[in-house]
Each structure stands twice: as C-alpha cells, then as structure tokens.
C-alpha cells in the first residue's frame, strides 16, 4: 500500500511541476513556443525583403515578440505579416525599430 501511495504522490508532483500559470509556461507550452520561434525565425531568414538576422524572435504562450532594427517601415510590417502567417502564432507584438 505505501508504495502505491508514494507512486501516486510522485505522479501528482510531476503533473503539478509541469503545469503552467499566467507567468510560467508548462512543459508542453514551452516546447510549442520553441517550435513557433524556430518557424518564425526560419520564415524571416527565407524572406528576401526582411533582414532576418537583424530580428530577434521570442515566444510566450503563442504570443510572438519581434525586436531588433530594420531600415524601413515596410520591412517592419513585412516581418510582422510573416510572423502572423506561421502556424501556432496567436498574436504578434512588434517591437522592431526603424533606423533613421
């Protein structure tokens, strides 16, 4: 009996330890966000208009944050449009700055 109770408690602790909150991702969310970040960054690097190396991408619970510097407002808009088109992206926060 004690072994079963221990296993049940251990399993419960693992589930709670992997749960997310408003400020912390669950393990599954972290993996999903990592995949989204990779897809967005890859799409930016493939684009001929946007300088993908100059844009940083972070994802938290499906919200993608773009930052960095570009030469034109159209590059900034293009980067946001690319990110929005990636599967798994819930919203985009575009903090890219246009150099003047």
PDB file of N, CA and C in Angstrom:
ATOM      1  N   UNK A   1       0.805  -1.195   0.000  1.00  0.00           N
ATOM      2  CA  UNK A   1       0.000   0.000   0.000  1.00  0.00           C
ATOM      3  C   UNK A   1       0.849   1.261   0.000  1.00  0.00           C
ATOM      4  N   UNK A   2       1.909   1.305   0.789  1.00  0.00           N
ATOM      5  CA  UNK A   2       2.712   2.512   0.890  1.00  0.00           C
ATOM      6  C   UNK A   2       3.402   2.820  -0.435  1.00  0.00           C
ATOM      7  N   UNK A   3       3.803   1.794  -1.154  1.00  0.00           N
ATOM      8  CA  UNK A   3       4.457   2.018  -2.441  1.00  0.00           C
ATOM      9  C   UNK A   3       3.479   2.657  -3.419  1.00  0.00           C
ATOM     10  N   UNK A   4       2.252   2.209  -3.442  1.00  0.00           N
ATOM     11  CA  UNK A   4       1.245   2.781  -4.333  1.00  0.00           C
ATOM     12  C   UNK A   4       0.985   4.240  -3.971  1.00  0.00           C
ATOM     13  N   UNK A   5       0.920   4.529  -2.688  1.00  0.00           N
ATOM     14  CA  UNK A   5       0.691   5.905  -2.262  1.00  0.00           C
ATOM     15  C   UNK A   5       1.863   6.791  -2.688  1.00  0.00           C
ATOM     16  N   UNK A   6       3.069   6.274  -2.523  1.00  0.00           N
ATOM     17  CA  UNK A   6       4.250   7.031  -2.922  1.00  0.00           C
ATOM     18  C   UNK A   6       4.228   7.301  -4.425  1.00  0.00           C
ATOM     19  N   UNK A   7       3.907   6.283  -5.214  1.00  0.00           N
ATOM     20  CA  UNK A   7       3.869   6.461  -6.672  1.00  0.00           C
ATOM     21  C   UNK A   7       2.791   7.462  -7.070  1.00  0.00           C
ATOM     22  N   UNK A   8       1.658   7.414  -6.399  1.00  0.00           N
ATOM     23  CA  UNK A   8       0.578   8.356  -6.687  1.00  0.00           C
ATOM     24  C   UNK A   8       1.008   9.785  -6.354  1.00  0.00           C
ATOM     25  N   UNK A   9       1.667   9.954  -5.224  1.00  0.00           N
ATOM     26  CA  UNK A   9       2.148  11.290  -4.837  1.00  0.00           C
ATOM     27  C   UNK A   9       3.233  11.784  -5.792  1.00  0.00           C
ATOM     28  N   UNK A  10       4.123  10.895  -6.182  1.00  0.00           N
ATOM     29  CA  UNK A  10       5.185  11.268  -7.114  1.00  0.00           C
ATOM     30  C   UNK A  10       4.602  11.687  -8.459  1.00  0.00           C
ATOM     31  N   UNK A  11       3.615  10.958  -8.938  1.00  0.00           N
ATOM     32  CA  UNK A  11       2.970  11.296 -10.210  1.00  0.00           C
ATOM     33  C   UNK A  11       2.260  12.640 -10.105  1.00  0.00           C
ATOM     34  N   UNK A  12       1.589  12.876  -8.999  1.00  0.00           N
ATOM     35  CA  UNK A  12       0.900  14.153  -8.801  1.00  0.00           C
ATOM     36  C   UNK A  12       1.890  15.305  -8.757  1.00  0.00           C
ATOM     37  N   UNK A  13       3.018  15.108  -8.116  1.00  0.00           N
ATOM     38  CA  UNK A  13       4.036  16.150  -8.033  1.00  0.00           C
ATOM     39  C   UNK A  13       4.599  16.472  -9.413  1.00  0.00           C
ATOM     40  N   UNK A  14       4.768  15.468 -10.238  1.00  0.00           N
ATOM     41  CA  UNK A  14       5.278  15.692 -11.585  1.00  0.00           C
ATOM     42  C   UNK A  14       4.295  16.488 -12.412  1.00  0.00           C
ATOM     43  N   UNK A  15       3.013  16.185 -12.292  1.00  0.00           N
ATOM     44  CA  UNK A  15       1.992  16.907 -13.044  1.00  0.00           C
ATOM     45  C   UNK A  15       1.951  18.359 -12.601  1.00  0.00           C
ATOM     46  N   UNK A  16       1.967  18.606 -11.304  1.00  0.00           N
ATOM     47  CA  UNK A  16       1.935  19.962 -10.789  1.00  0.00           C
ATOM     48  C   UNK A  16       3.204  20.705 -11.194  1.00  0.00           C
ATOM     49  N   UNK A  17       4.336  20.051 -11.169  1.00  0.00           N
ATOM     50  CA  UNK A  17       5.601  20.670 -11.543  1.00  0.00           C
ATOM     51  C   UNK A  17       5.652  21.054 -13.004  1.00  0.00           C
ATOM     52  N   UNK A  18       4.870  20.432 -13.849  1.00  0.00           N
ATOM     53  CA  UNK A  18       4.868  20.713 -15.277  1.00  0.00           C
ATOM     54  C   UNK A  18       3.735  21.646 -15.687  1.00  0.00           C
ATOM     55  N   UNK A  19       2.897  22.033 -14.728  1.00  0.00           N
ATOM     56  CA  UNK A  19       1.753  22.885 -15.029  1.00  0.00           C
ATOM     57  C   UNK A  19       2.213  24.316 -15.258  1.00  0.00           C
ATOM     58  N   UNK A  20       1.474  25.008 -16.092  1.00  0.00           N
ATOM     59  CA  UNK A  20       1.793  26.399 -16.357  1.00  0.00           C
ATOM     60  C   UNK A  20       0.943  27.335 -15.525  1.00  0.00           C
ATOM     61  N   UNK A  21       1.263  28.604 -15.585  1.00  0.00           N
ATOM     62  CA  UNK A  21       0.495  29.647 -14.932  1.00  0.00           C
ATOM     63  C   UNK A  21       0.500  30.856 -15.862  1.00  0.00           C
ATOM     64  N   UNK A  22      -0.012  31.988 -15.386  1.00  0.00           N
ATOM     65  CA  UNK A  22      -0.027  33.184 -16.229  1.00  0.00           C
ATOM     66  C   UNK A  22       1.382  33.661 -16.576  1.00  0.00           C
ATOM     67  N   UNK A  23       2.302  33.424 -15.667  1.00  0.00           N
ATOM     68  CA  UNK A  23       3.659  33.931 -15.866  1.00  0.00           C
ATOM     69  C   UNK A  23       4.681  32.848 -16.181  1.00  0.00           C
ATOM     70  N   UNK A  24       4.250  31.588 -16.194  1.00  0.00           N
ATOM     71  CA  UNK A  24       5.169  30.477 -16.447  1.00  0.00           C
ATOM     72  C   UNK A  24       4.519  29.477 -17.395  1.00  0.00           C
ATOM     73  N   UNK A  25       5.294  29.024 -18.361  1.00  0.00           N
ATOM     74  CA  UNK A  25       4.800  28.056 -19.328  1.00  0.00           C
ATOM     75  C   UNK A  25       4.850  26.647 -18.748  1.00  0.00           C
ATOM     76  N   UNK A  26       3.903  25.817 -19.187  1.00  0.00           N
ATOM     77  CA  UNK A  26       4.005  24.395 -18.884  1.00  0.00           C
ATOM     78  C   UNK A  26       5.069  23.809 -19.809  1.00  0.00           C
ATOM     79  N   UNK A  27       5.454  22.591 -19.554  1.00  0.00           N
ATOM     80  CA  UNK A  27       6.460  21.940 -20.407  1.00  0.00           C
ATOM     81  C   UNK A  27       5.971  21.873 -21.851  1.00  0.00           C
ATOM     82  N   UNK A  28       4.715  21.511 -22.044  1.00  0.00           N
ATOM     83  CA  UNK A  28       4.157  21.427 -23.393  1.00  0.00           C
ATOM     84  C   UNK A  28       4.126  22.774 -24.081  1.00  0.00           C
ATOM     85  N   UNK A  29       3.737  23.826 -23.340  1.00  0.00           N
ATOM     86  CA  UNK A  29       3.716  25.165 -23.913  1.00  0.00           C
ATOM     87  C   UNK A  29       5.121  25.612 -24.301  1.00  0.00           C
ATOM     88  N   UNK A  30       6.087  25.306 -23.459  1.00  0.00           N
ATOM     89  CA  UNK A  30       7.476  25.668 -23.756  1.00  0.00           C
ATOM     90  C   UNK A  30       7.931  25.018 -25.064  1.00  0.00           C
ATOM     91  N   UNK A  31       7.621  23.741 -25.218  1.00  0.00           N
ATOM     92  CA  UNK A  31       8.015  23.038 -26.446  1.00  0.00           C
ATOM     93  C   UNK A  31       7.290  23.609 -27.658  1.00  0.00           C
ATOM     94  N   UNK A  32       6.003  23.902 -27.507  1.00  0.00           N
ATOM     95  CA  UNK A  32       5.245  24.506 -28.603  1.00  0.00           C
ATOM     96  C   UNK A  32       5.829  25.865 -28.976  1.00  0.00           C
ATOM     97  N   UNK A  33       6.127  26.677 -27.966  1.00  0.00           N
ATOM     98  CA  UNK A  33       6.671  28.009 -28.222  1.00  0.00           C
ATOM     99  C   UNK A  33       8.049  27.948 -28.866  1.00  0.00           C
ATOM    100  N   UNK A  34       8.842  26.978 -28.473  1.00  0.00           N
ATOM    101  CA  UNK A  34      10.159  26.812 -29.090  1.00  0.00           C
ATOM    102  C   UNK A  34      10.008  26.492 -30.576  1.00  0.00           C
ATOM    103  N   UNK A  35       9.047  25.652 -30.898  1.00  0.00           N
ATOM    104  CA  UNK A  35       8.797  25.310 -32.303  1.00  0.00           C
ATOM    105  C   UNK A  35       8.297  26.527 -33.073  1.00  0.00           C
ATOM    106  N   UNK A  36       7.409  27.311 -32.481  1.00  0.00           N
ATOM    107  CA  UNK A  36       6.896  28.514 -33.136  1.00  0.00           C
ATOM    108  C   UNK A  36       8.038  29.503 -33.385  1.00  0.00           C
ATOM    109  N   UNK A  37       8.874  29.710 -32.391  1.00  0.00           N
ATOM    110  CA  UNK A  37      10.018  30.622 -32.544  1.00  0.00           C
ATOM    111  C   UNK A  37      10.899  30.184 -33.707  1.00  0.00           C
ATOM    112  N   UNK A  38      11.174  28.899 -33.787  1.00  0.00           N
ATOM    113  CA  UNK A  38      12.017  28.368 -34.859  1.00  0.00           C
ATOM    114  C   UNK A  38      11.366  28.581 -36.220  1.00  0.00           C
ATOM    115  N   UNK A  39      10.063  28.337 -36.314  1.00  0.00           N
ATOM    116  CA  UNK A  39       9.358  28.520 -37.588  1.00  0.00           C
ATOM    117  C   UNK A  39       9.348  29.978 -38.016  1.00  0.00           C
ATOM    118  N   UNK A  40       9.102  30.893 -37.072  1.00  0.00           N
ATOM    119  CA  UNK A  40       9.073  32.320 -37.402  1.00  0.00           C
ATOM    120  C   UNK A  40      10.461  32.773 -37.846  1.00  0.00           C
ATOM    121  N   UNK A  41      11.482  32.407 -37.098  1.00  0.00           N
ATOM    122  CA  UNK A  41      12.846  32.818 -37.441  1.00  0.00           C
ATOM    123  C   UNK A  41      13.242  32.272 -38.823  1.00  0.00           C
ATOM    124  N   UNK A  42      12.889  31.026 -39.091  1.00  0.00           N
ATOM    125  CA  UNK A  42      13.194  30.432 -40.403  1.00  0.00           C
ATOM    126  C   UNK A  42      12.485  31.179 -41.524  1.00  0.00           C
ATOM    127  N   UNK A  43      11.220  31.529 -41.309  1.00  0.00           N
ATOM    128  CA  UNK A  43      10.459  32.261 -42.326  1.00  0.00           C
ATOM    129  C   UNK A  43      11.071  33.640 -42.567  1.00  0.00           C
ATOM    130  N   UNK A  44      11.511  34.296 -41.507  1.00  0.00           N
ATOM    131  CA  UNK A  44      12.156  35.603 -41.660  1.00  0.00           C
ATOM    132  C   UNK A  44      13.470  35.487 -42.427  1.00  0.00           C
ATOM    133  N   UNK A  45      14.222  34.446 -42.145  1.00  0.00           N
ATOM    134  CA  UNK A  45      15.505  34.260 -42.827  1.00  0.00           C
ATOM    135  C   UNK A  45      15.324  33.937 -44.310  1.00  0.00           C
ATOM    136  N   UNK A  46      14.221  33.270 -44.665  1.00  0.00           N
ATOM    137  CA  UNK A  46      13.955  32.922 -46.069  1.00  0.00           C
ATOM    138  C   UNK A  46      13.460  34.119 -46.883  1.00  0.00           C
ATOM    139  N   UNK A  47      12.903  35.116 -46.214  1.00  0.00           N
ATOM    140  CA  UNK A  47      12.307  36.244 -46.918  1.00  0.00           C
ATOM    141  C   UNK A  47      13.399  37.130 -47.528  1.00  0.00           C
ATOM    142  N   UNK A  48      13.155  37.604 -48.741  1.00  0.00           N
ATOM    143  CA  UNK A  48      14.140  38.425 -49.435  1.00  0.00           C
ATOM    144  C   UNK A  48      14.082  39.895 -49.039  1.00  0.00           C
ATOM    145  N   UNK A  49      12.977  40.323 -48.434  1.00  0.00           N
ATOM    146  CA  UNK A  49      12.807  41.725 -48.060  1.00  0.00           C
ATOM    147  C   UNK A  49      13.344  41.993 -46.662  1.00  0.00           C
ATOM    148  N   UNK A  50      13.048  41.091 -45.750  1.00  0.00           N
ATOM    149  CA  UNK A  50      13.388  41.281 -44.339  1.00  0.00           C
ATOM    150  C   UNK A  50      14.791  40.751 -44.061  1.00  0.00           C
ATOM    151  N   UNK A  51      15.546  41.495 -43.264  1.00  0.00           N
ATOM    152  CA  UNK A  51      16.856  41.026 -42.825  1.00  0.00           C
ATOM    153  C   UNK A  51      16.656  40.195 -41.563  1.00  0.00           C
ATOM    154  N   UNK A  52      16.420  38.916 -41.745  1.00  0.00           N
ATOM    155  CA  UNK A  52      16.101  38.023 -40.644  1.00  0.00           C
ATOM    156  C   UNK A  52      17.157  37.946 -39.564  1.00  0.00           C
ATOM    157  N   UNK A  53      18.408  38.164 -39.911  1.00  0.00           N
ATOM    158  CA  UNK A  53      19.475  38.104 -38.916  1.00  0.00           C
ATOM    159  C   UNK A  53      19.418  39.288 -37.947  1.00  0.00           C
ATOM    160  N   UNK A  54      18.748  40.367 -38.363  1.00  0.00           N
ATOM    161  CA  UNK A  54      18.669  41.563 -37.526  1.00  0.00           C
ATOM    162  C   UNK A  54      17.435  41.584 -36.628  1.00  0.00           C
ATOM    163  N   UNK A  55      16.627  40.532 -36.694  1.00  0.00           N
ATOM    164  CA  UNK A  55      15.380  40.492 -35.918  1.00  0.00           C
ATOM    165  C   UNK A  55      15.427  39.343 -34.926  1.00  0.00           C
ATOM    166  N   UNK A  56      15.144  39.668 -33.679  1.00  0.00           N
ATOM    167  CA  UNK A  56      15.073  38.650 -32.631  1.00  0.00           C
ATOM    168  C   UNK A  56      13.616  38.224 -32.470  1.00  0.00           C
ATOM    169  N   UNK A  57      13.436  36.941 -32.167  1.00  0.00           N
ATOM    170  CA  UNK A  57      12.100  36.369 -32.023  1.00  0.00           C
ATOM    171  C   UNK A  57      12.024  35.645 -30.682  1.00  0.00           C
ATOM    172  N   UNK A  58      11.019  35.982 -29.891  1.00  0.00           N
ATOM    173  CA  UNK A  58      10.740  35.273 -28.645  1.00  0.00           C
ATOM    174  C   UNK A  58       9.257  34.940 -28.634  1.00  0.00           C
ATOM    175  N   UNK A  59       8.917  33.796 -28.051  1.00  0.00           N
ATOM    176  CA  UNK A  59       7.522  33.374 -27.995  1.00  0.00           C
ATOM    177  C   UNK A  59       7.172  32.970 -26.576  1.00  0.00           C
ATOM    178  N   UNK A  60       6.001  33.432 -26.109  1.00  0.00           N
ATOM    179  CA  UNK A  60       5.496  33.059 -24.796  1.00  0.00           C
ATOM    180  C   UNK A  60       4.004  32.800 -24.931  1.00  0.00           C
ATOM    181  N   UNK A  61       3.618  31.544 -24.722  1.00  0.00           N
ATOM    182  CA  UNK A  61       2.217  31.122 -24.799  1.00  0.00           C
ATOM    183  C   UNK A  61       1.565  31.554 -26.109  1.00  0.00           C
ATOM    184  N   UNK A  62       2.288  31.376 -27.204  1.00  0.00           N
ATOM    185  CA  UNK A  62       1.748  31.655 -28.529  1.00  0.00           C
ATOM    186  C   UNK A  62       1.873  33.095 -28.984  1.00  0.00           C
ATOM    187  N   UNK A  63       2.291  33.995 -28.100  1.00  0.00           N
ATOM    188  CA  UNK A  63       2.491  35.389 -28.473  1.00  0.00           C
ATOM    189  C   UNK A  63       3.947  35.567 -28.882  1.00  0.00           C
ATOM    190  N   UNK A  64       4.135  36.007 -30.113  1.00  0.00           N
ATOM    191  CA  UNK A  64       5.481  36.203 -30.654  1.00  0.00           C
ATOM    192  C   UNK A  64       5.863  37.666 -30.483  1.00  0.00           C
ATOM    193  N   UNK A  65       7.055  37.890 -29.936  1.00  0.00           N
ATOM    194  CA  UNK A  65       7.582  39.237 -29.815  1.00  0.00           C
ATOM    195  C   UNK A  65       8.753  39.382 -30.774  1.00  0.00           C
ATOM    196  N   UNK A  66       8.651  40.387 -31.628  1.00  0.00           N
ATOM    197  CA  UNK A  66       9.716  40.696 -32.572  1.00  0.00           C
ATOM    198  C   UNK A  66      10.454  41.924 -32.075  1.00  0.00           C
ATOM    199  N   UNK A  67      11.780  41.906 -32.156  1.00  0.00           N
ATOM    200  CA  UNK A  67      12.567  43.076 -31.782  1.00  0.00           C
ATOM    201  C   UNK A  67      13.796  43.140 -32.679  1.00  0.00           C
ATOM    202  N   UNK A  68      14.437  44.275 -32.654  1.00  0.00           N
ATOM    203  CA  UNK A  68      15.597  44.485 -33.491  1.00  0.00           C
ATOM    204  C   UNK A  68      15.453  45.758 -34.290  1.00  0.00           C
ATOM    205  N   UNK A  69      16.274  45.888 -35.319  1.00  0.00           N
ATOM    206  CA  UNK A  69      16.294  47.113 -36.115  1.00  0.00           C
ATOM    207  C   UNK A  69      16.204  46.777 -37.596  1.00  0.00           C
ATOM    208  N   UNK A  70      15.426  47.589 -38.321  1.00  0.00           N
ATOM    209  CA  UNK A  70      15.306  47.455 -39.772  1.00  0.00           C
ATOM    210  C   UNK A  70      15.482  48.833 -40.398  1.00  0.00           C
ATOM    211  N   UNK A  71      15.628  48.859 -41.716  1.00  0.00           N
ATOM    212  CA  UNK A  71      15.862  50.125 -42.419  1.00  0.00           C
ATOM    213  C   UNK A  71      14.587  50.870 -42.782  1.00  0.00           C
ATOM    214  N   UNK A  72      13.480  50.138 -42.994  1.00  0.00           N
ATOM    215  CA  UNK A  72      12.251  50.795 -43.459  1.00  0.00           C
ATOM    216  C   UNK A  72      11.032  50.293 -42.696  1.00  0.00           C
ATOM    217  N   UNK A  73       9.988  51.111 -42.725  1.00  0.00           N
ATOM    218  CA  UNK A  73       8.725  50.730 -42.100  1.00  0.00           C
ATOM    219  C   UNK A  73       8.116  49.525 -42.811  1.00  0.00           C
ATOM    220  N   UNK A  74       8.342  49.418 -44.116  1.00  0.00           N
ATOM    221  CA  UNK A  74       7.789  48.272 -44.851  1.00  0.00           C
ATOM    222  C   UNK A  74       8.454  46.967 -44.417  1.00  0.00           C
ATOM    223  N   UNK A  75       9.748  47.004 -44.070  1.00  0.00           N
ATOM    224  CA  UNK A  75      10.409  45.806 -43.536  1.00  0.00           C
ATOM    225  C   UNK A  75       9.779  45.401 -42.208  1.00  0.00           C
ATOM    226  N   UNK A  76       9.494  46.383 -41.359  1.00  0.00           N
ATOM    227  CA  UNK A  76       8.872  46.122 -40.065  1.00  0.00           C
ATOM    228  C   UNK A  76       7.500  45.473 -40.261  1.00  0.00           C
ATOM    229  N   UNK A  77       6.707  46.039 -41.150  1.00  0.00           N
ATOM    230  CA  UNK A  77       5.376  45.495 -41.429  1.00  0.00           C
ATOM    231  C   UNK A  77       5.466  44.104 -42.042  1.00  0.00           C
ATOM    232  N   UNK A  78       6.418  43.913 -42.934  1.00  0.00           N
ATOM    233  CA  UNK A  78       6.598  42.610 -43.587  1.00  0.00           C
ATOM    234  C   UNK A  78       6.968  41.540 -42.561  1.00  0.00           C
ATOM    235  N   UNK A  79       7.852  41.871 -41.628  1.00  0.00           N
ATOM    236  CA  UNK A  79       8.260  40.922 -40.588  1.00  0.00           C
ATOM    237  C   UNK A  79       7.048  40.506 -39.740  1.00  0.00           C
ATOM    238  N   UNK A  80       6.209  41.456 -39.394  1.00  0.00           N
ATOM    239  CA  UNK A  80       5.008  41.141 -38.613  1.00  0.00           C
ATOM    240  C   UNK A  80       4.061  40.244 -39.402  1.00  0.00           C
ATOM    241  N   UNK A  81       3.870  40.552 -40.677  1.00  0.00           N
ATOM    242  CA  UNK A  81       2.987  39.743 -41.514  1.00  0.00           C
ATOM    243  C   UNK A  81       3.506  38.309 -41.631  1.00  0.00           C
ATOM    244  N   UNK A  82       4.810  38.161 -41.781  1.00  0.00           N
ATOM    245  CA  UNK A  82       5.412  36.823 -41.867  1.00  0.00           C
ATOM    246  C   UNK A  82       5.147  36.053 -40.580  1.00  0.00           C
ATOM    247  N   UNK A  83       5.373  36.702 -39.446  1.00  0.00           N
ATOM    248  CA  UNK A  83       5.163  36.036 -38.155  1.00  0.00           C
ATOM    249  C   UNK A  83       3.700  35.634 -37.974  1.00  0.00           C
ATOM    250  N   UNK A  84       2.777  36.502 -38.338  1.00  0.00           N
ATOM    251  CA  UNK A  84       1.345  36.202 -38.179  1.00  0.00           C
ATOM    252  C   UNK A  84       0.908  34.987 -39.002  1.00  0.00           C
ATOM    253  N   UNK A  85       1.596  34.751 -40.121  1.00  0.00           N
ATOM    254  CA  UNK A  85       1.222  33.646 -41.011  1.00  0.00           C
ATOM    255  C   UNK A  85       1.737  32.285 -40.549  1.00  0.00           C
ATOM    256  N   UNK A  86       2.557  32.249 -39.520  1.00  0.00           N
ATOM    257  CA  UNK A  86       3.124  30.989 -39.039  1.00  0.00           C
ATOM    258  C   UNK A  86       2.104  30.268 -38.161  1.00  0.00           C
ATOM    259  N   UNK A  87       1.931  28.979 -38.418  1.00  0.00           N
ATOM    260  CA  UNK A  87       1.002  28.170 -37.624  1.00  0.00           C
ATOM    261  C   UNK A  87       1.426  28.167 -36.156  1.00  0.00           C
ATOM    262  N   UNK A  88       0.464  28.347 -35.282  1.00  0.00           N
ATOM    263  CA  UNK A  88       0.739  28.336 -33.847  1.00  0.00           C
ATOM    264  C   UNK A  88       0.882  29.712 -33.237  1.00  0.00           C
ATOM    265  N   UNK A  89       0.990  30.747 -34.085  1.00  0.00           N
ATOM    266  CA  UNK A  89       1.111  32.112 -33.585  1.00  0.00           C
ATOM    267  C   UNK A  89      -0.281  32.635 -33.244  1.00  0.00           C
ATOM    268  N   UNK A  90      -0.465  33.031 -31.989  1.00  0.00           N
ATOM    269  CA  UNK A  90      -1.757  33.578 -31.541  1.00  0.00           C
ATOM    270  C   UNK A  90      -1.808  35.086 -31.737  1.00  0.00           C
ATOM    271  N   UNK A  91      -0.697  35.750 -31.460  1.00  0.00           N
ATOM    272  CA  UNK A  91      -0.612  37.194 -31.661  1.00  0.00           C
ATOM    273  C   UNK A  91       0.848  37.576 -31.828  1.00  0.00           C
ATOM    274  N   UNK A  92       1.055  38.807 -32.324  1.00  0.00           N
ATOM    275  CA  UNK A  92       2.407  39.302 -32.553  1.00  0.00           C
ATOM    276  C   UNK A  92       2.543  40.668 -31.888  1.00  0.00           C
ATOM    277  N   UNK A  93       3.603  40.815 -31.114  1.00  0.00           N
ATOM    278  CA  UNK A  93       3.970  42.110 -30.545  1.00  0.00           C
ATOM    279  C   UNK A  93       5.196  42.577 -31.313  1.00  0.00           C
ATOM    280  N   UNK A  94       5.020  43.621 -32.087  1.00  0.00           N
ATOM    281  CA  UNK A  94       6.079  44.086 -32.971  1.00  0.00           C
ATOM    282  C   UNK A  94       6.835  45.243 -32.324  1.00  0.00           C
ATOM    283  N   UNK A  95       7.986  44.938 -31.734  1.00  0.00           N
ATOM    284  CA  UNK A  95       8.835  45.952 -31.108  1.00  0.00           C
ATOM    285  C   UNK A  95      10.049  46.280 -31.967  1.00  0.00           C
ATOM    286  N   UNK A  96       9.970  45.986 -33.248  1.00  0.00           N
ATOM    287  CA  UNK A  96      11.062  46.311 -34.178  1.00  0.00           C
ATOM    288  C   UNK A  96      11.135  47.820 -34.324  1.00  0.00           C
ATOM    289  N   UNK A  97      12.347  48.337 -34.351  1.00  0.00           N
ATOM    290  CA  UNK A  97      12.572  49.778 -34.525  1.00  0.00           C
ATOM    291  C   UNK A  97      13.124  50.043 -35.912  1.00  0.00           C
ATOM    292  N   UNK A  98      12.609  51.129 -36.516  1.00  0.00           N
ATOM    293  CA  UNK A  98      13.098  51.556 -37.834  1.00  0.00           C
ATOM    294  C   UNK A  98      14.237  52.545 -37.593  1.00  0.00           C
ATOM    295  N   UNK A  99      15.404  52.241 -38.184  1.00  0.00           N
ATOM    296  CA  UNK A  99      16.568  53.133 -38.063  1.00  0.00           C
ATOM    297  C   UNK A  99      16.352  54.353 -38.972  1.00  0.00           C
ATOM    298  N   UNK A 100      16.714  55.511 -38.464  1.00  0.00           N
ATOM    299  CA  UNK A 100      16.520  56.723 -39.258  1.00  0.00           C
ATOM    300  C   UNK A 100      17.787  57.490 -39.392  1.00  0.00           C
TER     301      UNK A 100
END
